[in-house]
């Protein structure tokens, strides 16, 4: 959360075997080490999947909105986000991170890269 407040996208890694730890956890599921670190990654990826939500389940999220699953290139992890409305999207579409400020909390989110 501190990195997000600084508008940086970070992914957790194991210091011993260099495995990517996503979802973040206290220890490495690969080698068992408790020695981990966070590394900044480029905030770009490709749209892997999406779904439109049309039934409101929480007042904070008026419908319609679209849940997106973005695949980072390096490291190869998938991250979730949401986009207001139901925009025209396509598989593999370039996406970029942006940081949504929600009171005292800042969260990474995703949007399509503007194509020239």
Protein backbone atom coordinates (compact mmCIF):
# COMPACT_ATOMS: atom_id res chain seq x y z
CA UNK A 1 0.00 0.00 0.00
CA UNK A 2 2.91 2.36 0.65
CA UNK A 3 4.19 1.87 -2.92
CA UNK A 4 0.69 2.56 -4.30
CA UNK A 5 0.57 5.81 -2.28
CA UNK A 6 3.78 6.72 -4.14
CA UNK A 7 2.15 5.70 -7.45
CA UNK A 8 4.50 2.76 -7.91
CA UNK A 9 3.48 -0.76 -8.94
CA UNK A 10 5.47 -3.40 -7.02
CA UNK A 11 5.50 -7.21 -6.95
CA UNK A 12 6.88 -9.35 -4.10
CA UNK A 13 9.83 -11.70 -4.73
CA UNK A 14 11.80 -14.23 -2.71
CA UNK A 15 15.32 -13.04 -1.83
CA UNK A 16 16.67 -16.61 -1.81
CA UNK A 17 15.31 -18.27 -4.98
CA UNK A 18 14.00 -15.13 -6.76
CA UNK A 19 10.51 -16.64 -7.19
CA UNK A 20 7.63 -14.24 -7.81
CA UNK A 21 5.31 -14.29 -4.77
CA UNK A 22 1.91 -13.46 -6.12
CA UNK A 23 -0.43 -13.41 -4.28
CA UNK A 24 1.83 -11.74 -1.68
CA UNK A 25 2.62 -13.84 1.39
CA UNK A 26 5.00 -13.91 4.33
CA UNK A 27 7.16 -16.75 3.02
CA UNK A 28 8.20 -18.29 -0.29
CA UNK A 29 6.05 -21.24 -1.28
CA UNK A 30 8.88 -22.38 -3.57
CA UNK A 31 11.83 -22.62 -1.13
CA UNK A 32 10.29 -21.81 2.27
CA UNK A 33 12.38 -18.67 2.88
CA UNK A 34 10.88 -15.83 4.91
CA UNK A 35 13.28 -13.35 3.28
CA UNK A 36 11.30 -11.40 0.67
CA UNK A 37 11.49 -8.04 -1.09
CA UNK A 38 9.29 -5.81 -3.26
CA UNK A 39 10.42 -4.79 -6.73
CA UNK A 40 8.95 -2.04 -8.88
CA UNK A 41 7.64 -3.25 -12.24
CA UNK A 42 6.51 -1.38 -15.35
CA UNK A 43 2.82 -0.53 -15.18
CA UNK A 44 1.98 -2.05 -18.55
CA UNK A 45 0.35 -5.28 -19.56
CA UNK A 46 -2.20 -6.86 -21.85
CA UNK A 47 -5.88 -7.48 -21.30
CA UNK A 48 -6.26 -11.17 -20.54
CA UNK A 49 -9.97 -11.35 -19.64
CA UNK A 50 -12.92 -9.17 -18.58
CA UNK A 51 -16.54 -9.30 -17.55
CA UNK A 52 -19.24 -6.64 -17.33
CA UNK A 53 -21.15 -6.29 -14.06
CA UNK A 54 -24.74 -5.11 -14.47
CA UNK A 55 -26.26 -6.04 -11.10
CA UNK A 56 -25.22 -3.65 -8.34
CA UNK A 57 -23.79 -5.46 -5.32
CA UNK A 58 -22.25 -2.51 -3.44
CA UNK A 59 -23.24 1.18 -3.37
CA UNK A 60 -19.60 2.23 -3.90
CA UNK A 61 -19.64 0.63 -7.37
CA UNK A 62 -22.55 1.87 -9.50
CA UNK A 63 -23.34 -0.35 -12.48
CA UNK A 64 -22.43 -0.98 -15.14
CA UNK A 65 -18.69 -1.53 -14.65
CA UNK A 66 -16.19 -3.94 -16.10
CA UNK A 67 -13.78 -6.14 -14.13
CA UNK A 68 -10.50 -6.58 -16.03
CA UNK A 69 -7.72 -9.14 -15.63
CA UNK A 70 -4.41 -7.74 -16.88
CA UNK A 71 -1.39 -9.92 -17.57
CA UNK A 72 1.92 -8.22 -16.89
CA UNK A 73 4.78 -9.07 -19.23
CA UNK A 74 7.53 -9.22 -16.61
CA UNK A 75 7.07 -10.73 -14.16
CA UNK A 76 4.31 -12.90 -15.58
CA UNK A 77 1.49 -12.23 -13.10
CA UNK A 78 -2.18 -11.30 -13.48
CA UNK A 79 -3.69 -8.31 -11.68
CA UNK A 80 -7.34 -7.25 -11.33
CA UNK A 81 -8.90 -3.86 -11.85
CA UNK A 82 -12.16 -2.25 -12.87
CA UNK A 83 -13.32 0.24 -15.49
CA UNK A 84 -16.50 2.30 -15.27
CA UNK A 85 -19.11 1.38 -17.85
CA UNK A 86 -18.81 -1.28 -20.53
CA UNK A 87 -16.10 -0.06 -22.88
CA UNK A 88 -15.23 -1.86 -26.10
CA UNK A 89 -12.33 -4.13 -25.16
CA UNK A 90 -10.38 -6.82 -26.99
CA UNK A 91 -8.15 -9.69 -25.92
CA UNK A 92 -4.50 -8.64 -25.79
CA UNK A 93 -5.36 -4.94 -25.71
CA UNK A 94 -2.50 -2.88 -24.20
CA UNK A 95 -3.31 -1.70 -20.66
CA UNK A 96 -1.60 0.72 -18.28
CA UNK A 97 -1.76 1.15 -14.54
CA UNK A 98 -3.20 4.25 -12.88
CA UNK A 99 -3.63 4.88 -9.18
CA UNK A 100 -7.10 5.41 -7.75
CA UNK A 101 -7.30 7.48 -4.57
CA UNK A 102 -10.06 6.29 -2.24
CA UNK A 103 -9.83 8.47 0.84
CA UNK A 104 -6.67 7.42 2.72
CA UNK A 105 -6.17 4.38 0.48
CA UNK A 106 -4.57 4.33 -2.96
CA UNK A 107 -5.03 1.28 -5.18
CA UNK A 108 -3.54 0.37 -8.55
CA UNK A 109 -6.13 0.10 -11.29
CA UNK A 110 -6.06 -0.42 -15.07
CA UNK A 111 -7.16 1.38 -18.20
CA UNK A 112 -6.67 0.80 -21.93
CA UNK A 113 -3.64 2.50 -23.43
CA UNK A 114 -4.73 5.32 -25.75
CA UNK A 115 -3.82 4.21 -29.27
CA UNK A 116 -2.53 6.81 -31.70
